[in-house]
Structures are given as C-alpha cells and as structure tokens.
Amino acid sequence: MWITSYNGNKQLRRTTQGWNLCVQWKDGSTSWETLANLKSSHLIQTAEYAIQKNIDSEPAFRWWVPHVLNERKRAISVVKTRYLKRNQKFGNEIPRTVEEALLIDKETNTTYWADAIEKEMQNNLVAFQLLEPGEKAPPGYTFIKCHMNFEVKMDFTRKARFVTGGHMTDPPVIMTYSSVVSRDSVRIGFILAALNDLELVAADIGNAHLQENTKEKIYAIAGPEFGEFQGRTMIIVRALYGLKSSGAAWHERFANTLYDMNFKPSYADPNVWMRAAVTPNGFKYYEYIFVYVDDLLILSHQTKAIVKSAITHLSTEGR
C-alpha cells in the first residue's frame, strides 16, 4: 500500500498532535495521517506533493523538502554513475539492451551475444502463453516490462538472463522470498563431512524458477529477443526471475521434492535438509542437503544417487 494522491482542498491540517495530511490510498480509501509518519514511510511522495501543491514554504515542509529532494538527486546520481561505469568485464563490452548486444556481435564479427540470447529464450519459452496478433490480455492482468541482463563469465562465455520488472506489480499477500542456508550451517557441514569422510558435491539447478507456475496475473509485450513474435502480447505463466513471488514459489516446489525424497528440514536451520542413511559397511550417519535458493551443497557417501533422484522428482512432479 502506498500513497497515490492527496484528497480535497483541506489536504493539510494541524491538530494537537501535529500536522496531518489527508491521504488517498491505492485501493481508493482515504485517511488522515500524521506528517511525521508520512515523512518516515513515504518521504519522496510527500516532498513531491508539497512542491506540487505549493505548500513547501509551510513551516512543516520548509526545512525538510529541499533536504529530501537533494538526497534523492544524490542517490540517483550515484546509481547512474555506477551503472554507466560497468560497461566492460575482462576486456569485453557488456551491452545493456538486445539491440546493443547484436550491434556488438556485428562490429566484432561474432555471434557470442546472439547465441547467449537464443539459449536463454529457448529455456524461457515455457514461461509464456503467446496471444494472437492484436489480442489483448484478459481483464485483471497487470502489465509489466521485461528486459535482458548481460554478463561475461570467468571463462569469457556470454550470459543473458531474461528478467521481469517485478517492481511494477503489487506485493502479493503470500510470502515473497526464498530463505537461504546460513554460513554457520555450511561451516558445520564441512566439519561433519571431514569427520565422517563424506563426499561433498556442489550443484546448481538451471532455470529453477521456471519449474513452478506463477501465482501472479501479469502480461508483457514481446521484445526484439522474441524475433518474429516481437510486439505480441504474452501472458506470463511461469515464475520468471524478477517476479515478487518467484522465490517463494520455487522454495515451496523444491521443499516438496525433498520431502518426497524423505529428507526433513533441521530444526536449527530450515534450509539444512537431512536424511538417515547407512554405508555399505553398516555405519549409520545422516546425509545432508544445504539449500541456497537454487544452489545446493550435498554431503553423502552417495552424492550422485541423490542428484539423480532430485532430477527425477523435479521432472516427474505434476505442475
């Protein structure tokens, strides 16, 4: 919930408790809120409103508005500077748009970025329901923008990541994040592995969020990365990176997978999963899986079997 506008001619009043503003919220409701609370929770909107309504010269705003707007300007300037400076890595130029990536390929007579974009979009095709040309999104769906993030890996391969503008949607009422294993738990895990002569295997689940359907009603317009489908309306049906509910959706999906594999979360750290096991010589111990979103650390005498079992469960679970 956030401020969208202020209501009526008597938008500012003073009470025994201080200055108050009449606020209209996004759901259409209105309420009188203390200026002190608004300065803490919606400082930019409050300062901009004071400028818009020419009340920034009032005693309640006179000293505060210039300070807030200067701080905002300074923060934006710092972010822009950092963004503009990060245009190369390992001597390779990093594009900011699909058009710029393809232009770099053309200038260098290569297809590195084009191949990275094609690979990413092949993996993401399952995330969209493409509507017919000219067809509009159903009522109740929210429009969001999408873009590509580009990166150069340590081995100089190019990486493209299709990301949604989750900031354009309202926060869902459900949990929106995926908790991660703590560093202390990982350190203890290394000690347990050394004491019990366990194998250590690190694994990454590729395109993890795409394993689960999204819980949000959203759509986007296909960009140049979609080739011949550019300009078409797309309903987003899978939990793409950037959506507010994607982390929680994946966390729930993978937790169900681990339960099916008879793993149980630790009471001390819910992202440490454990299962009783026995070695071929009869030694009883616990196998562990440490979960950091889509990165895993597996401790067992049969790590390969656990990886294969996880792949099987993820691929056969109903959506």
C-alpha atoms as a PDB file:
ATOM      1  CA  MET A   1       0.000   0.000   0.000  1.00  0.00           C
ATOM      2  CA  TRP A   2       1.379   3.413  -0.873  1.00  0.00           C
ATOM      3  CA  ILE A   3       0.279   6.975  -1.432  1.00  0.00           C
ATOM      4  CA  THR A   4      -1.072   7.820  -4.884  1.00  0.00           C
ATOM      5  CA  SER A   5      -2.615  11.257  -4.261  1.00  0.00           C
ATOM      6  CA  TYR A   6      -3.877  13.614  -1.602  1.00  0.00           C
ATOM      7  CA  ASN A   7      -7.528  14.390  -1.160  1.00  0.00           C
ATOM      8  CA  GLY A   8      -9.598  17.593  -1.170  1.00  0.00           C
ATOM      9  CA  ASN A   9      -8.866  21.262  -0.632  1.00  0.00           C
ATOM     10  CA  LYS A  10      -8.249  20.849   3.073  1.00  0.00           C
ATOM     11  CA  GLN A  11      -5.385  18.439   2.462  1.00  0.00           C
ATOM     12  CA  LEU A  12      -3.313  19.848   5.320  1.00  0.00           C
ATOM     13  CA  ARG A  13      -4.488  20.489   8.860  1.00  0.00           C
ATOM     14  CA  ARG A  14      -2.973  20.933  12.266  1.00  0.00           C
ATOM     15  CA  THR A  15      -4.084  19.129  15.416  1.00  0.00           C
ATOM     16  CA  THR A  16      -2.794  18.942  18.950  1.00  0.00           C
ATOM     17  CA  GLN A  17      -0.613  16.036  17.838  1.00  0.00           C
ATOM     18  CA  GLY A  18       0.941  17.961  14.937  1.00  0.00           C
ATOM     19  CA  TRP A  19       0.405  18.361  11.191  1.00  0.00           C
ATOM     20  CA  ASN A  20      -1.782  15.862   9.311  1.00  0.00           C
ATOM     21  CA  LEU A  21      -2.369  15.124   5.622  1.00  0.00           C
ATOM     22  CA  CYS A  22      -5.452  13.570   4.074  1.00  0.00           C
ATOM     23  CA  VAL A  23      -4.194  10.632   2.009  1.00  0.00           C
ATOM     24  CA  GLN A  24      -5.917   8.677  -0.727  1.00  0.00           C
ATOM     25  CA  TRP A  25      -4.501   5.154  -0.964  1.00  0.00           C
ATOM     26  CA  LYS A  26      -4.272   2.912  -3.979  1.00  0.00           C
ATOM     27  CA  ASP A  27      -7.444   0.985  -3.065  1.00  0.00           C
ATOM     28  CA  GLY A  28      -9.417   4.265  -3.089  1.00  0.00           C
ATOM     29  CA  SER A  29      -9.758   4.643   0.671  1.00  0.00           C
ATOM     30  CA  THR A  30      -8.730   7.847   2.439  1.00  0.00           C
ATOM     31  CA  SER A  31      -7.353   8.569   5.880  1.00  0.00           C
ATOM     32  CA  TRP A  32      -5.726  11.369   7.834  1.00  0.00           C
ATOM     33  CA  GLU A  33      -2.109  10.526   8.596  1.00  0.00           C
ATOM     34  CA  THR A  34       0.400  12.385  10.702  1.00  0.00           C
ATOM     35  CA  LEU A  35       3.080  14.186   8.762  1.00  0.00           C
ATOM     36  CA  ALA A  36       5.736  12.559  10.918  1.00  0.00           C
ATOM     37  CA  ASN A  37       4.610   9.074   9.816  1.00  0.00           C
ATOM     38  CA  LEU A  38       4.441  10.090   6.151  1.00  0.00           C
ATOM     39  CA  LYS A  39       7.920  11.556   6.302  1.00  0.00           C
ATOM     40  CA  SER A  40       9.155   8.155   7.513  1.00  0.00           C
ATOM     41  CA  SER A  41       7.180   5.870   5.210  1.00  0.00           C
ATOM     42  CA  HIS A  42       6.641   7.917   2.013  1.00  0.00           C
ATOM     43  CA  LEU A  43       9.164  10.724   2.195  1.00  0.00           C
ATOM     44  CA  ILE A  44       9.690  11.198  -1.570  1.00  0.00           C
ATOM     45  CA  GLN A  45       5.965  11.231  -2.375  1.00  0.00           C
ATOM     46  CA  THR A  46       5.293  13.651   0.479  1.00  0.00           C
ATOM     47  CA  ALA A  47       8.046  16.033  -0.605  1.00  0.00           C
ATOM     48  CA  GLU A  48       6.935  15.950  -4.255  1.00  0.00           C
ATOM     49  CA  TYR A  49       3.343  16.619  -3.214  1.00  0.00           C
ATOM     50  CA  ALA A  50       4.409  19.643  -1.170  1.00  0.00           C
ATOM     51  CA  ILE A  51       6.138  21.083  -4.263  1.00  0.00           C
ATOM     52  CA  GLN A  52       3.153  20.287  -6.490  1.00  0.00           C
ATOM     53  CA  LYS A  53       0.637  21.996  -4.173  1.00  0.00           C
ATOM     54  CA  ASN A  54       2.918  24.975  -3.383  1.00  0.00           C
ATOM     55  CA  ILE A  55       2.879  24.261   0.324  1.00  0.00           C
ATOM     56  CA  ASP A  56       6.620  23.575   0.574  1.00  0.00           C
ATOM     57  CA  SER A  57       7.012  27.023   2.161  1.00  0.00           C
ATOM     58  CA  GLU A  58       4.826  25.985   5.114  1.00  0.00           C
ATOM     59  CA  PRO A  59       6.783  25.589   8.374  1.00  0.00           C
ATOM     60  CA  ALA A  60       6.158  21.840   8.366  1.00  0.00           C
ATOM     61  CA  PHE A  61       7.902  21.485   4.983  1.00  0.00           C
ATOM     62  CA  ARG A  62      10.249  24.454   4.583  1.00  0.00           C
ATOM     63  CA  TRP A  63      13.372  22.898   6.120  1.00  0.00           C
ATOM     64  CA  TRP A  64      12.643  19.306   5.121  1.00  0.00           C
ATOM     65  CA  VAL A  65      11.631  19.268   1.432  1.00  0.00           C
ATOM     66  CA  PRO A  66      14.915  20.659  -0.029  1.00  0.00           C
ATOM     67  CA  HIS A  67      16.918  18.166   2.035  1.00  0.00           C
ATOM     68  CA  VAL A  68      14.868  15.166   0.813  1.00  0.00           C
ATOM     69  CA  LEU A  69      14.992  16.179  -2.849  1.00  0.00           C
ATOM     70  CA  ASN A  70      18.744  16.815  -2.683  1.00  0.00           C
ATOM     71  CA  GLU A  71      19.293  13.388  -1.138  1.00  0.00           C
ATOM     72  CA  ARG A  72      17.181  11.795  -3.871  1.00  0.00           C
ATOM     73  CA  LYS A  73      19.166  13.600  -6.553  1.00  0.00           C
ATOM     74  CA  ARG A  74      22.448  12.495  -4.985  1.00  0.00           C
ATOM     75  CA  ALA A  75      21.320   8.847  -4.747  1.00  0.00           C
ATOM     76  CA  ILE A  76      20.174   8.784  -8.384  1.00  0.00           C
ATOM     77  CA  SER A  77      23.454  10.335  -9.479  1.00  0.00           C
ATOM     78  CA  VAL A  78      25.483   7.673  -7.637  1.00  0.00           C
ATOM     79  CA  VAL A  79      23.423   4.842  -9.134  1.00  0.00           C
ATOM     80  CA  LYS A  80      23.728   6.253 -12.657  1.00  0.00           C
ATOM     81  CA  THR A  81      27.485   6.645 -12.247  1.00  0.00           C
ATOM     82  CA  ARG A  82      27.910   3.053 -11.132  1.00  0.00           C
ATOM     83  CA  TYR A  83      25.668   1.801 -13.937  1.00  0.00           C
ATOM     84  CA  LEU A  84      27.471   3.764 -16.634  1.00  0.00           C
ATOM     85  CA  LYS A  85      30.907   2.672 -15.427  1.00  0.00           C
ATOM     86  CA  ARG A  86      30.058  -1.025 -15.596  1.00  0.00           C
ATOM     87  CA  ASN A  87      30.222  -1.454 -19.357  1.00  0.00           C
ATOM     88  CA  GLN A  88      33.186  -3.833 -19.583  1.00  0.00           C
ATOM     89  CA  LYS A  89      34.332  -7.020 -17.935  1.00  0.00           C
ATOM     90  CA  PHE A  90      37.530  -8.950 -18.654  1.00  0.00           C
ATOM     91  CA  GLY A  91      38.075  -6.563 -21.545  1.00  0.00           C
ATOM     92  CA  ASN A  92      34.724  -7.442 -23.157  1.00  0.00           C
ATOM     93  CA  GLU A  93      31.996  -4.875 -23.661  1.00  0.00           C
ATOM     94  CA  ILE A  94      28.751  -5.604 -21.794  1.00  0.00           C
ATOM     95  CA  PRO A  95      25.600  -4.470 -23.625  1.00  0.00           C
ATOM     96  CA  ARG A  96      22.559  -3.015 -21.882  1.00  0.00           C
ATOM     97  CA  THR A  97      19.920  -3.887 -24.482  1.00  0.00           C
ATOM     98  CA  VAL A  98      19.310  -6.639 -27.013  1.00  0.00           C
ATOM     99  CA  GLU A  99      19.858  -4.185 -29.854  1.00  0.00           C
ATOM    100  CA  GLU A 100      23.217  -3.156 -28.406  1.00  0.00           C
ATOM    101  CA  ALA A 101      24.235  -6.805 -27.950  1.00  0.00           C
ATOM    102  CA  LEU A 102      23.511  -7.616 -31.589  1.00  0.00           C
ATOM    103  CA  LEU A 103      25.376  -4.482 -32.675  1.00  0.00           C
ATOM    104  CA  ILE A 104      28.475  -5.620 -30.739  1.00  0.00           C
ATOM    105  CA  ASP A 105      28.281  -9.004 -32.481  1.00  0.00           C
ATOM    106  CA  LYS A 106      28.078  -7.262 -35.843  1.00  0.00           C
ATOM    107  CA  GLU A 107      31.046  -4.989 -35.105  1.00  0.00           C
ATOM    108  CA  THR A 108      33.204  -7.874 -33.827  1.00  0.00           C
ATOM    109  CA  ASN A 109      32.021 -10.343 -36.497  1.00  0.00           C
ATOM    110  CA  THR A 110      30.940 -12.842 -33.820  1.00  0.00           C
ATOM    111  CA  THR A 111      27.685 -14.368 -32.547  1.00  0.00           C
ATOM    112  CA  TYR A 112      28.539 -14.614 -28.841  1.00  0.00           C
ATOM    113  CA  TRP A 113      25.734 -12.419 -27.556  1.00  0.00           C
ATOM    114  CA  ALA A 114      23.205 -13.639 -30.127  1.00  0.00           C
ATOM    115  CA  ASP A 115      23.908 -17.234 -29.087  1.00  0.00           C
ATOM    116  CA  ALA A 116      23.505 -16.329 -25.402  1.00  0.00           C
ATOM    117  CA  ILE A 117      20.176 -14.616 -26.089  1.00  0.00           C
ATOM    118  CA  GLU A 118      18.907 -17.550 -28.158  1.00  0.00           C
ATOM    119  CA  LYS A 119      19.921 -20.054 -25.463  1.00  0.00           C
ATOM    120  CA  GLU A 120      18.159 -18.063 -22.750  1.00  0.00           C
ATOM    121  CA  MET A 121      14.967 -17.622 -24.760  1.00  0.00           C
ATOM    122  CA  GLN A 122      14.837 -21.325 -25.658  1.00  0.00           C
ATOM    123  CA  ASN A 123      14.809 -22.083 -21.924  1.00  0.00           C
ATOM    124  CA  ASN A 124      12.166 -19.433 -21.223  1.00  0.00           C
ATOM    125  CA  LEU A 125       9.634 -20.277 -23.938  1.00  0.00           C
ATOM    126  CA  VAL A 126       7.637 -22.415 -21.483  1.00  0.00           C
ATOM    127  CA  ALA A 127       7.084 -19.298 -19.347  1.00  0.00           C
ATOM    128  CA  PHE A 128       4.787 -17.570 -21.843  1.00  0.00           C
ATOM    129  CA  GLN A 129       1.366 -18.022 -23.360  1.00  0.00           C
ATOM    130  CA  LEU A 130       1.547 -16.114 -26.639  1.00  0.00           C
ATOM    131  CA  LEU A 131      -1.709 -14.438 -27.625  1.00  0.00           C
ATOM    132  CA  GLU A 132      -2.899 -13.956 -31.180  1.00  0.00           C
ATOM    133  CA  PRO A 133      -1.819 -10.781 -33.051  1.00  0.00           C
ATOM    134  CA  GLY A 134      -3.887  -7.847 -31.787  1.00  0.00           C
ATOM    135  CA  GLU A 135      -5.373  -9.861 -28.921  1.00  0.00           C
ATOM    136  CA  LYS A 136      -5.358  -8.089 -25.552  1.00  0.00           C
ATOM    137  CA  ALA A 137      -4.653  -9.534 -22.128  1.00  0.00           C
ATOM    138  CA  PRO A 138      -7.687 -10.712 -20.109  1.00  0.00           C
ATOM    139  CA  PRO A 139      -9.215  -8.331 -17.545  1.00  0.00           C
ATOM    140  CA  GLY A 140      -7.460  -8.334 -14.190  1.00  0.00           C
ATOM    141  CA  TYR A 141      -3.952  -8.840 -15.603  1.00  0.00           C
ATOM    142  CA  THR A 142      -1.207  -6.289 -14.870  1.00  0.00           C
ATOM    143  CA  PHE A 143       1.286  -5.127 -17.498  1.00  0.00           C
ATOM    144  CA  ILE A 144       4.992  -5.355 -16.627  1.00  0.00           C
ATOM    145  CA  LYS A 145       8.143  -4.625 -18.576  1.00  0.00           C
ATOM    146  CA  CYS A 146      10.828  -7.225 -19.264  1.00  0.00           C
ATOM    147  CA  HIS A 147      14.480  -6.880 -20.201  1.00  0.00           C
ATOM    148  CA  MET A 148      17.729  -8.775 -20.641  1.00  0.00           C
ATOM    149  CA  ASN A 149      20.619  -8.699 -18.170  1.00  0.00           C
ATOM    150  CA  PHE A 150      24.012  -9.444 -19.697  1.00  0.00           C
ATOM    151  CA  GLU A 151      27.135 -10.830 -18.084  1.00  0.00           C
ATOM    152  CA  VAL A 152      30.575 -12.208 -19.008  1.00  0.00           C
ATOM    153  CA  LYS A 153      31.597 -15.329 -17.061  1.00  0.00           C
ATOM    154  CA  MET A 154      35.045 -16.244 -15.793  1.00  0.00           C
ATOM    155  CA  ASP A 155      35.649 -18.432 -18.864  1.00  0.00           C
ATOM    156  CA  PHE A 156      34.648 -15.481 -21.132  1.00  0.00           C
ATOM    157  CA  THR A 157      31.379 -17.094 -22.218  1.00  0.00           C
ATOM    158  CA  ARG A 158      28.466 -14.670 -22.546  1.00  0.00           C
ATOM    159  CA  LYS A 159      25.412 -14.977 -20.345  1.00  0.00           C
ATOM    160  CA  ALA A 160      21.985 -13.463 -20.986  1.00  0.00           C
ATOM    161  CA  ARG A 161      19.253 -13.536 -18.347  1.00  0.00           C
ATOM    162  CA  PHE A 162      15.622 -12.666 -19.139  1.00  0.00           C
ATOM    163  CA  VAL A 163      14.221 -10.699 -16.192  1.00  0.00           C
ATOM    164  CA  THR A 164      10.795  -9.267 -15.458  1.00  0.00           C
ATOM    165  CA  GLY A 165      10.059  -5.906 -13.873  1.00  0.00           C
ATOM    166  CA  GLY A 166       8.564  -7.258 -10.672  1.00  0.00           C
ATOM    167  CA  HIS A 167       8.647  -3.763  -9.148  1.00  0.00           C
ATOM    168  CA  MET A 168       5.643  -2.887 -11.331  1.00  0.00           C
ATOM    169  CA  THR A 169       3.332  -5.313  -9.515  1.00  0.00           C
ATOM    170  CA  ASP A 170       1.748  -5.106  -6.083  1.00  0.00           C
ATOM    171  CA  PRO A 171       3.336  -7.214  -3.326  1.00  0.00           C
ATOM    172  CA  PRO A 172       1.337 -10.466  -3.020  1.00  0.00           C
ATOM    173  CA  VAL A 173      -0.243 -11.349   0.306  1.00  0.00           C
ATOM    174  CA  ILE A 174       1.806 -14.557   0.484  1.00  0.00           C
ATOM    175  CA  MET A 175       5.478 -14.823   1.430  1.00  0.00           C
ATOM    176  CA  THR A 176       7.610 -13.470  -1.404  1.00  0.00           C
ATOM    177  CA  TYR A 177      11.130 -14.615  -0.633  1.00  0.00           C
ATOM    178  CA  SER A 178      13.175 -17.804  -0.537  1.00  0.00           C
ATOM    179  CA  SER A 179      15.145 -18.250   2.676  1.00  0.00           C
ATOM    180  CA  VAL A 180      18.742 -19.495   2.398  1.00  0.00           C
ATOM    181  CA  VAL A 181      21.111 -21.623   4.438  1.00  0.00           C
ATOM    182  CA  SER A 182      23.279 -19.750   6.921  1.00  0.00           C
ATOM    183  CA  ARG A 183      27.077 -19.540   6.684  1.00  0.00           C
ATOM    184  CA  ASP A 184      27.399 -21.119  10.133  1.00  0.00           C
ATOM    185  CA  SER A 185      25.444 -24.170   8.946  1.00  0.00           C
ATOM    186  CA  VAL A 186      27.731 -24.535   5.936  1.00  0.00           C
ATOM    187  CA  ARG A 187      30.828 -24.377   8.156  1.00  0.00           C
ATOM    188  CA  ILE A 188      29.394 -27.091  10.425  1.00  0.00           C
ATOM    189  CA  GLY A 189      28.608 -29.140   7.322  1.00  0.00           C
ATOM    190  CA  PHE A 190      32.247 -29.038   6.207  1.00  0.00           C
ATOM    191  CA  ILE A 191      33.288 -30.268   9.660  1.00  0.00           C
ATOM    192  CA  LEU A 192      30.751 -33.120   9.540  1.00  0.00           C
ATOM    193  CA  ALA A 193      31.951 -34.099   6.068  1.00  0.00           C
ATOM    194  CA  ALA A 194      35.569 -34.237   7.258  1.00  0.00           C
ATOM    195  CA  LEU A 195      34.758 -36.220  10.419  1.00  0.00           C
ATOM    196  CA  ASN A 196      32.584 -38.773   8.620  1.00  0.00           C
ATOM    197  CA  ASP A 197      34.560 -38.958   5.359  1.00  0.00           C
ATOM    198  CA  LEU A 198      31.562 -37.775   3.316  1.00  0.00           C
ATOM    199  CA  GLU A 199      31.614 -36.703  -0.311  1.00  0.00           C
ATOM    200  CA  LEU A 200      30.963 -33.022  -0.980  1.00  0.00           C
ATOM    201  CA  VAL A 201      29.183 -32.026  -4.183  1.00  0.00           C
ATOM    202  CA  ALA A 202      28.019 -28.528  -5.164  1.00  0.00           C
ATOM    203  CA  ALA A 203      25.172 -28.380  -7.664  1.00  0.00           C
ATOM    204  CA  ASP A 204      23.154 -25.696  -9.392  1.00  0.00           C
ATOM    205  CA  ILE A 205      19.595 -26.161 -10.654  1.00  0.00           C
ATOM    206  CA  GLY A 206      19.377 -24.420 -14.009  1.00  0.00           C
ATOM    207  CA  ASN A 207      16.329 -22.201 -14.624  1.00  0.00           C
ATOM    208  CA  ALA A 208      14.982 -23.235 -11.248  1.00  0.00           C
ATOM    209  CA  HIS A 209      12.150 -20.688 -11.087  1.00  0.00           C
ATOM    210  CA  LEU A 210      10.712 -21.958 -14.366  1.00  0.00           C
ATOM    211  CA  GLN A 211       9.882 -25.239 -12.638  1.00  0.00           C
ATOM    212  CA  GLU A 212       6.879 -23.610 -10.971  1.00  0.00           C
ATOM    213  CA  ASN A 213       3.809 -21.721 -12.189  1.00  0.00           C
ATOM    214  CA  THR A 214       3.495 -18.082 -11.215  1.00  0.00           C
ATOM    215  CA  LYS A 215       0.868 -17.003  -8.712  1.00  0.00           C
ATOM    216  CA  GLU A 216       0.585 -13.506 -10.245  1.00  0.00           C
ATOM    217  CA  LYS A 217      -1.704 -12.337 -13.063  1.00  0.00           C
ATOM    218  CA  ILE A 218       0.676 -10.469 -15.349  1.00  0.00           C
ATOM    219  CA  TYR A 219       1.434  -9.948 -19.020  1.00  0.00           C
ATOM    220  CA  ALA A 220       4.133  -8.333 -21.135  1.00  0.00           C
ATOM    221  CA  ILE A 221       4.801  -7.279 -24.722  1.00  0.00           C
ATOM    222  CA  ALA A 222       7.369  -9.365 -26.626  1.00  0.00           C
ATOM    223  CA  GLY A 223      10.609  -7.509 -27.302  1.00  0.00           C
ATOM    224  CA  PRO A 224      13.271  -7.980 -30.007  1.00  0.00           C
ATOM    225  CA  GLU A 225      14.606 -11.095 -28.234  1.00  0.00           C
ATOM    226  CA  PHE A 226      11.398 -12.888 -29.351  1.00  0.00           C
ATOM    227  CA  GLY A 227      12.241 -12.474 -33.037  1.00  0.00           C
ATOM    228  CA  GLU A 228       9.186 -12.801 -35.274  1.00  0.00           C
ATOM    229  CA  PHE A 229       6.850 -12.579 -32.264  1.00  0.00           C
ATOM    230  CA  GLN A 230       8.031  -9.083 -31.304  1.00  0.00           C
ATOM    231  CA  GLY A 231       5.121  -6.837 -30.351  1.00  0.00           C
ATOM    232  CA  ARG A 232       2.766  -9.696 -29.429  1.00  0.00           C
ATOM    233  CA  THR A 233       1.052  -9.798 -26.027  1.00  0.00           C
ATOM    234  CA  MET A 234       2.292 -12.587 -23.740  1.00  0.00           C
ATOM    235  CA  ILE A 235       0.677 -13.975 -20.597  1.00  0.00           C
ATOM    236  CA  ILE A 236       3.436 -14.950 -18.132  1.00  0.00           C
ATOM    237  CA  VAL A 237       2.577 -18.365 -16.697  1.00  0.00           C
ATOM    238  CA  ARG A 238       5.826 -19.431 -15.006  1.00  0.00           C
ATOM    239  CA  ALA A 239       7.756 -17.927 -12.090  1.00  0.00           C
ATOM    240  CA  LEU A 240      10.294 -15.879 -14.044  1.00  0.00           C
ATOM    241  CA  TYR A 241      13.241 -14.157 -12.400  1.00  0.00           C
ATOM    242  CA  GLY A 242      12.284 -10.745 -11.088  1.00  0.00           C
ATOM    243  CA  LEU A 243       8.714 -11.525 -10.031  1.00  0.00           C
ATOM    244  CA  LYS A 244       7.930 -10.960  -6.366  1.00  0.00           C
ATOM    245  CA  SER A 245       6.501 -14.446  -5.847  1.00  0.00           C
ATOM    246  CA  SER A 246       9.103 -16.431  -7.838  1.00  0.00           C
ATOM    247  CA  GLY A 247      11.477 -17.086  -4.943  1.00  0.00           C
ATOM    248  CA  ALA A 248       8.728 -18.368  -2.680  1.00  0.00           C
ATOM    249  CA  ALA A 249       7.178 -20.471  -5.473  1.00  0.00           C
ATOM    250  CA  TRP A 250      10.486 -22.218  -6.167  1.00  0.00           C
ATOM    251  CA  HIS A 251      11.202 -22.685  -2.452  1.00  0.00           C
ATOM    252  CA  GLU A 252       7.855 -24.427  -1.979  1.00  0.00           C
ATOM    253  CA  ARG A 253       8.368 -26.636  -5.049  1.00  0.00           C
ATOM    254  CA  PHE A 254      11.841 -27.790  -4.051  1.00  0.00           C
ATOM    255  CA  ALA A 255      10.802 -28.323  -0.419  1.00  0.00           C
ATOM    256  CA  ASN A 256       8.084 -30.720  -1.619  1.00  0.00           C
ATOM    257  CA  THR A 257      10.698 -32.507  -3.736  1.00  0.00           C
ATOM    258  CA  LEU A 258      12.976 -33.016  -0.736  1.00  0.00           C
ATOM    259  CA  TYR A 259      10.070 -34.253   1.383  1.00  0.00           C
ATOM    260  CA  ASP A 260       9.299 -36.819  -1.342  1.00  0.00           C
ATOM    261  CA  MET A 261      12.933 -37.949  -1.122  1.00  0.00           C
ATOM    262  CA  ASN A 262      12.427 -38.499   2.662  1.00  0.00           C
ATOM    263  CA  PHE A 263      14.584 -35.536   3.670  1.00  0.00           C
ATOM    264  CA  LYS A 264      13.479 -33.470   6.668  1.00  0.00           C
ATOM    265  CA  PRO A 265      14.458 -29.872   7.490  1.00  0.00           C
ATOM    266  CA  SER A 266      16.647 -29.274  10.516  1.00  0.00           C
ATOM    267  CA  TYR A 267      15.051 -27.534  13.490  1.00  0.00           C
ATOM    268  CA  ALA A 268      18.068 -25.238  13.798  1.00  0.00           C
ATOM    269  CA  ASP A 269      18.154 -24.206  10.129  1.00  0.00           C
ATOM    270  CA  PRO A 270      15.173 -24.993   7.846  1.00  0.00           C
ATOM    271  CA  ASN A 271      17.446 -24.881   4.791  1.00  0.00           C
ATOM    272  CA  VAL A 272      19.553 -27.772   6.075  1.00  0.00           C
ATOM    273  CA  TRP A 273      17.788 -30.958   4.979  1.00  0.00           C
ATOM    274  CA  MET A 274      18.787 -34.320   6.460  1.00  0.00           C
ATOM    275  CA  ARG A 275      18.040 -37.998   5.933  1.00  0.00           C
ATOM    276  CA  ALA A 276      19.188 -41.078   7.841  1.00  0.00           C
ATOM    277  CA  ALA A 277      21.457 -43.354   5.790  1.00  0.00           C
ATOM    278  CA  VAL A 278      23.767 -46.367   6.164  1.00  0.00           C
ATOM    279  CA  THR A 279      27.103 -47.012   4.458  1.00  0.00           C
ATOM    280  CA  PRO A 280      27.827 -50.405   2.823  1.00  0.00           C
ATOM    281  CA  ASN A 281      29.841 -51.417   5.917  1.00  0.00           C
ATOM    282  CA  GLY A 282      26.897 -50.698   8.227  1.00  0.00           C
ATOM    283  CA  PHE A 283      27.925 -47.249   9.534  1.00  0.00           C
ATOM    284  CA  LYS A 284      24.874 -45.126  10.335  1.00  0.00           C
ATOM    285  CA  TYR A 285      25.004 -41.416   9.515  1.00  0.00           C
ATOM    286  CA  TYR A 286      22.954 -38.540   8.103  1.00  0.00           C
ATOM    287  CA  GLU A 287      23.003 -37.264   4.538  1.00  0.00           C
ATOM    288  CA  TYR A 288      22.634 -33.501   4.198  1.00  0.00           C
ATOM    289  CA  ILE A 289      21.495 -31.076   1.532  1.00  0.00           C
ATOM    290  CA  PHE A 290      22.209 -27.376   2.121  1.00  0.00           C
ATOM    291  CA  VAL A 291      19.903 -25.163   0.044  1.00  0.00           C
ATOM    292  CA  TYR A 292      20.702 -21.613  -1.097  1.00  0.00           C
ATOM    293  CA  VAL A 293      17.772 -20.824  -3.430  1.00  0.00           C
ATOM    294  CA  ASP A 294      18.815 -22.929  -6.478  1.00  0.00           C
ATOM    295  CA  ASP A 295      22.360 -23.772  -5.328  1.00  0.00           C
ATOM    296  CA  LEU A 296      22.912 -26.990  -3.398  1.00  0.00           C
ATOM    297  CA  LEU A 297      25.675 -28.471  -1.278  1.00  0.00           C
ATOM    298  CA  ILE A 298      25.254 -32.236  -0.834  1.00  0.00           C
ATOM    299  CA  LEU A 299      27.012 -34.288   1.867  1.00  0.00           C
ATOM    300  CA  SER A 300      26.727 -38.046   1.470  1.00  0.00           C
ATOM    301  CA  HIS A 301      28.513 -41.266   0.583  1.00  0.00           C
ATOM    302  CA  GLN A 302      26.237 -41.426  -2.487  1.00  0.00           C
ATOM    303  CA  THR A 303      26.018 -37.892  -3.814  1.00  0.00           C
ATOM    304  CA  LYS A 304      25.435 -38.939  -7.427  1.00  0.00           C
ATOM    305  CA  ALA A 305      22.400 -41.007  -6.423  1.00  0.00           C
ATOM    306  CA  ILE A 306      20.908 -38.023  -4.594  1.00  0.00           C
ATOM    307  CA  VAL A 307      21.427 -35.738  -7.597  1.00  0.00           C
ATOM    308  CA  LYS A 308      19.782 -38.263  -9.944  1.00  0.00           C
ATOM    309  CA  SER A 309      16.871 -38.746  -7.536  1.00  0.00           C
ATOM    310  CA  ALA A 310      16.322 -34.973  -7.264  1.00  0.00           C
ATOM    311  CA  ILE A 311      16.332 -34.608 -11.059  1.00  0.00           C
ATOM    312  CA  THR A 312      13.818 -37.442 -11.387  1.00  0.00           C
ATOM    313  CA  HIS A 313      11.457 -35.995  -8.781  1.00  0.00           C
ATOM    314  CA  LEU A 314      11.600 -32.498 -10.270  1.00  0.00           C
ATOM    315  CA  SER A 315      10.926 -33.736 -13.786  1.00  0.00           C
ATOM    316  CA  THR A 316       8.024 -36.032 -12.821  1.00  0.00           C
ATOM    317  CA  GLU A 317       6.171 -33.845 -10.298  1.00  0.00           C
ATOM    318  CA  GLY A 318       2.855 -32.516 -11.545  1.00  0.00           C
ATOM    319  CA  ARG A 319       2.618 -28.797 -12.125  1.00  0.00           C
END
